[in-house]
Amino acid sequence: YPGEASAIKLLRSVFMKGIAALMIEMLEGAEAHGVTKQVISSVSASLDGIAFEDHLNRLVTGTAIHAHRRAAELEGSIKMLEEAGLCSDMTAASKKHHELLESYSFAERFVERKPNGWKEILDIVNNERQVR
């Protein structure tokens, strides 16, 4: 098992390399459809000026609760990329993870209240993974 410094480096790489690969997949699709400037502007509007942990809370909790709908949306993204002859591996992996999250029924759990943040979602996944 890696030491703390190695673990930090490797786990940071999960995000940094993964997001770079997602960016490339997104940009290739945007270029193929002639909407690169608009896509960059739209993503920028969603991300710019917001603290990273705020993104974690919004994206992780939102993904958990809306996993079913978002997986279906990603299916459309995969088809669009493939129809343009482009790689959709990162999008397919994202869809698979959304489907996994759907199995935890977060949408039903959080009807009355919103999750407290990314940690609450992760705790549920980790606790129930041990039971499954």
C-alpha atoms as a PDB file:
ATOM      1  CA  TYR A   1       0.000   0.000   0.000  1.00  0.00           C
ATOM      2  CA  PRO A   2       1.458   3.390  -0.908  1.00  0.00           C
ATOM      3  CA  GLY A   3       2.515   5.887   1.718  1.00  0.00           C
ATOM      4  CA  GLU A   4       0.495   9.037   2.291  1.00  0.00           C
ATOM      5  CA  ALA A   5       2.415  11.176  -0.233  1.00  0.00           C
ATOM      6  CA  SER A   6       2.146   8.489  -2.902  1.00  0.00           C
ATOM      7  CA  ALA A   7      -1.544   7.940  -2.170  1.00  0.00           C
ATOM      8  CA  ILE A   8      -2.216  11.672  -2.506  1.00  0.00           C
ATOM      9  CA  LYS A   9      -0.341  11.804  -5.815  1.00  0.00           C
ATOM     10  CA  LEU A  10      -2.089   8.740  -7.232  1.00  0.00           C
ATOM     11  CA  LEU A  11      -5.567   9.767  -6.086  1.00  0.00           C
ATOM     12  CA  ARG A  12      -5.081  13.301  -7.346  1.00  0.00           C
ATOM     13  CA  SER A  13      -4.153  11.710 -10.685  1.00  0.00           C
ATOM     14  CA  VAL A  14      -7.542   9.959 -10.780  1.00  0.00           C
ATOM     15  CA  PHE A  15      -9.136  13.396 -10.968  1.00  0.00           C
ATOM     16  CA  MET A  16      -6.555  15.373 -12.927  1.00  0.00           C
ATOM     17  CA  LYS A  17      -5.953  12.755 -15.620  1.00  0.00           C
ATOM     18  CA  GLY A  18      -9.618  11.818 -15.710  1.00  0.00           C
ATOM     19  CA  ILE A  19     -10.815  15.381 -16.151  1.00  0.00           C
ATOM     20  CA  ALA A  20      -8.213  15.977 -18.867  1.00  0.00           C
ATOM     21  CA  ALA A  21      -9.455  12.898 -20.743  1.00  0.00           C
ATOM     22  CA  LEU A  22     -13.065  14.090 -20.327  1.00  0.00           C
ATOM     23  CA  MET A  23     -12.081  17.524 -21.613  1.00  0.00           C
ATOM     24  CA  ILE A  24     -10.492  16.001 -24.703  1.00  0.00           C
ATOM     25  CA  GLU A  25     -13.556  13.828 -25.363  1.00  0.00           C
ATOM     26  CA  MET A  26     -15.840  16.854 -24.908  1.00  0.00           C
ATOM     27  CA  LEU A  27     -13.712  19.082 -27.138  1.00  0.00           C
ATOM     28  CA  GLU A  28     -13.496  16.474 -29.910  1.00  0.00           C
ATOM     29  CA  GLY A  29     -17.283  16.200 -29.902  1.00  0.00           C
ATOM     30  CA  ALA A  30     -17.685  19.968 -29.795  1.00  0.00           C
ATOM     31  CA  GLU A  31     -15.306  20.401 -32.739  1.00  0.00           C
ATOM     32  CA  ALA A  32     -17.111  17.679 -34.714  1.00  0.00           C
ATOM     33  CA  HIS A  33     -20.421  19.493 -34.201  1.00  0.00           C
ATOM     34  CA  GLY A  34     -19.101  23.022 -34.672  1.00  0.00           C
ATOM     35  CA  VAL A  35     -20.084  24.180 -31.185  1.00  0.00           C
ATOM     36  CA  THR A  36     -16.710  24.415 -29.428  1.00  0.00           C
ATOM     37  CA  LYS A  37     -16.938  28.056 -28.402  1.00  0.00           C
ATOM     38  CA  GLN A  38     -20.468  27.612 -27.043  1.00  0.00           C
ATOM     39  CA  VAL A  39     -19.576  24.449 -25.095  1.00  0.00           C
ATOM     40  CA  ILE A  40     -16.504  26.082 -23.541  1.00  0.00           C
ATOM     41  CA  SER A  41     -18.566  29.128 -22.601  1.00  0.00           C
ATOM     42  CA  SER A  42     -21.306  26.977 -21.066  1.00  0.00           C
ATOM     43  CA  VAL A  43     -18.892  24.894 -18.977  1.00  0.00           C
ATOM     44  CA  SER A  44     -17.006  28.037 -17.930  1.00  0.00           C
ATOM     45  CA  ALA A  45     -20.239  29.592 -16.693  1.00  0.00           C
ATOM     46  CA  SER A  46     -20.856  26.505 -14.558  1.00  0.00           C
ATOM     47  CA  LEU A  47     -17.359  26.271 -13.062  1.00  0.00           C
ATOM     48  CA  ASP A  48     -15.642  29.647 -12.953  1.00  0.00           C
ATOM     49  CA  GLY A  49     -15.257  31.400  -9.631  1.00  0.00           C
ATOM     50  CA  ILE A  50     -16.639  28.578  -7.489  1.00  0.00           C
ATOM     51  CA  ALA A  51     -14.580  26.879  -4.772  1.00  0.00           C
ATOM     52  CA  PHE A  52     -13.626  23.269  -5.511  1.00  0.00           C
ATOM     53  CA  GLU A  53     -15.359  21.865  -2.431  1.00  0.00           C
ATOM     54  CA  ASP A  54     -18.551  23.668  -3.452  1.00  0.00           C
ATOM     55  CA  HIS A  55     -18.279  21.860  -6.795  1.00  0.00           C
ATOM     56  CA  LEU A  56     -17.795  18.573  -4.954  1.00  0.00           C
ATOM     57  CA  ASN A  57     -20.911  19.141  -2.874  1.00  0.00           C
ATOM     58  CA  ARG A  58     -23.061  20.236  -5.807  1.00  0.00           C
ATOM     59  CA  LEU A  59     -21.872  17.683  -8.343  1.00  0.00           C
ATOM     60  CA  VAL A  60     -21.620  14.638  -6.072  1.00  0.00           C
ATOM     61  CA  THR A  61     -24.978  15.155  -4.365  1.00  0.00           C
ATOM     62  CA  GLY A  62     -26.697  16.129  -7.607  1.00  0.00           C
ATOM     63  CA  THR A  63     -25.235  13.143  -9.426  1.00  0.00           C
ATOM     64  CA  ALA A  64     -26.328  10.772  -6.675  1.00  0.00           C
ATOM     65  CA  ILE A  65     -29.896  12.081  -6.618  1.00  0.00           C
ATOM     66  CA  HIS A  66     -30.300  12.414 -10.398  1.00  0.00           C
ATOM     67  CA  ALA A  67     -28.227   9.372 -11.420  1.00  0.00           C
ATOM     68  CA  HIS A  68     -31.009   7.715 -13.434  1.00  0.00           C
ATOM     69  CA  ARG A  69     -31.797  10.739 -15.598  1.00  0.00           C
ATOM     70  CA  ARG A  70     -28.156  11.658 -16.033  1.00  0.00           C
ATOM     71  CA  ALA A  71     -27.237   8.114 -17.099  1.00  0.00           C
ATOM     72  CA  ALA A  72     -29.921   8.341 -19.781  1.00  0.00           C
ATOM     73  CA  GLU A  73     -28.542  11.704 -20.913  1.00  0.00           C
ATOM     74  CA  LEU A  74     -25.060  10.201 -21.120  1.00  0.00           C
ATOM     75  CA  GLU A  75     -26.414   7.437 -23.355  1.00  0.00           C
ATOM     76  CA  GLY A  76     -27.395  10.173 -25.815  1.00  0.00           C
ATOM     77  CA  SER A  77     -23.928  11.699 -25.507  1.00  0.00           C
ATOM     78  CA  ILE A  78     -22.309   8.329 -26.222  1.00  0.00           C
ATOM     79  CA  LYS A  79     -24.444   7.839 -29.338  1.00  0.00           C
ATOM     80  CA  MET A  80     -23.642  11.332 -30.593  1.00  0.00           C
ATOM     81  CA  LEU A  81     -19.879  10.842 -30.114  1.00  0.00           C
ATOM     82  CA  GLU A  82     -19.930   7.412 -31.739  1.00  0.00           C
ATOM     83  CA  GLU A  83     -21.981   8.669 -34.700  1.00  0.00           C
ATOM     84  CA  ALA A  84     -19.223  11.242 -35.261  1.00  0.00           C
ATOM     85  CA  GLY A  85     -16.641   8.415 -35.191  1.00  0.00           C
ATOM     86  CA  LEU A  86     -15.188   9.620 -31.890  1.00  0.00           C
ATOM     87  CA  CYS A  87     -14.082   7.826 -28.737  1.00  0.00           C
ATOM     88  CA  SER A  88     -16.702   7.723 -25.991  1.00  0.00           C
ATOM     89  CA  ASP A  89     -14.796   5.683 -23.386  1.00  0.00           C
ATOM     90  CA  MET A  90     -14.820   8.358 -20.685  1.00  0.00           C
ATOM     91  CA  THR A  91     -18.493   9.110 -21.211  1.00  0.00           C
ATOM     92  CA  ALA A  92     -19.315   5.386 -21.129  1.00  0.00           C
ATOM     93  CA  ALA A  93     -17.410   5.031 -17.850  1.00  0.00           C
ATOM     94  CA  SER A  94     -19.322   8.010 -16.435  1.00  0.00           C
ATOM     95  CA  LYS A  95     -22.618   6.415 -17.479  1.00  0.00           C
ATOM     96  CA  LYS A  96     -21.619   3.157 -15.796  1.00  0.00           C
ATOM     97  CA  HIS A  97     -20.829   5.002 -12.561  1.00  0.00           C
ATOM     98  CA  HIS A  98     -24.160   6.857 -12.681  1.00  0.00           C
ATOM     99  CA  GLU A  99     -25.909   3.496 -13.049  1.00  0.00           C
ATOM    100  CA  LEU A 100     -24.004   2.187 -10.027  1.00  0.00           C
ATOM    101  CA  LEU A 101     -25.073   5.224  -7.985  1.00  0.00           C
ATOM    102  CA  GLU A 102     -28.661   4.689  -9.074  1.00  0.00           C
ATOM    103  CA  SER A 103     -28.631   1.329  -7.268  1.00  0.00           C
ATOM    104  CA  TYR A 104     -28.356   3.194  -3.934  1.00  0.00           C
ATOM    105  CA  SER A 105     -31.767   4.873  -4.475  1.00  0.00           C
ATOM    106  CA  PHE A 106     -30.537   8.332  -3.510  1.00  0.00           C
ATOM    107  CA  ALA A 107     -33.498  10.006  -5.239  1.00  0.00           C
ATOM    108  CA  GLU A 108     -35.887   8.172  -2.899  1.00  0.00           C
ATOM    109  CA  ARG A 109     -33.727   8.764   0.193  1.00  0.00           C
ATOM    110  CA  PHE A 110     -33.533  12.504  -0.309  1.00  0.00           C
ATOM    111  CA  VAL A 111     -37.097  13.513  -1.105  1.00  0.00           C
ATOM    112  CA  GLU A 112     -37.630  15.390   2.170  1.00  0.00           C
ATOM    113  CA  ARG A 113     -34.183  16.990   2.418  1.00  0.00           C
ATOM    114  CA  LYS A 114     -30.985  17.527   0.471  1.00  0.00           C
ATOM    115  CA  PRO A 115     -27.854  15.601   1.396  1.00  0.00           C
ATOM    116  CA  ASN A 116     -25.492  17.513   3.684  1.00  0.00           C
ATOM    117  CA  GLY A 117     -22.738  17.273   1.069  1.00  0.00           C
ATOM    118  CA  TRP A 118     -20.421  14.896  -0.742  1.00  0.00           C
ATOM    119  CA  LYS A 119     -19.391  13.164   2.500  1.00  0.00           C
ATOM    120  CA  GLU A 120     -22.920  11.995   3.277  1.00  0.00           C
ATOM    121  CA  ILE A 121     -23.180  10.392  -0.171  1.00  0.00           C
ATOM    122  CA  LEU A 122     -19.772   8.757   0.147  1.00  0.00           C
ATOM    123  CA  ASP A 123     -20.573   7.454   3.643  1.00  0.00           C
ATOM    124  CA  ILE A 124     -23.752   5.788   2.369  1.00  0.00           C
ATOM    125  CA  VAL A 125     -21.907   4.180  -0.538  1.00  0.00           C
ATOM    126  CA  ASN A 126     -19.075   2.967   1.687  1.00  0.00           C
ATOM    127  CA  ASN A 127     -21.404   1.626   4.411  1.00  0.00           C
ATOM    128  CA  GLU A 128     -23.691  -0.175   2.001  1.00  0.00           C
ATOM    129  CA  ARG A 129     -20.880  -1.506  -0.184  1.00  0.00           C
ATOM    130  CA  GLN A 130     -19.770  -3.568   2.822  1.00  0.00           C
ATOM    131  CA  VAL A 131     -23.287  -4.988   3.189  1.00  0.00           C
ATOM    132  CA  ARG A 132     -23.773  -5.865  -0.494  1.00  0.00           C
END
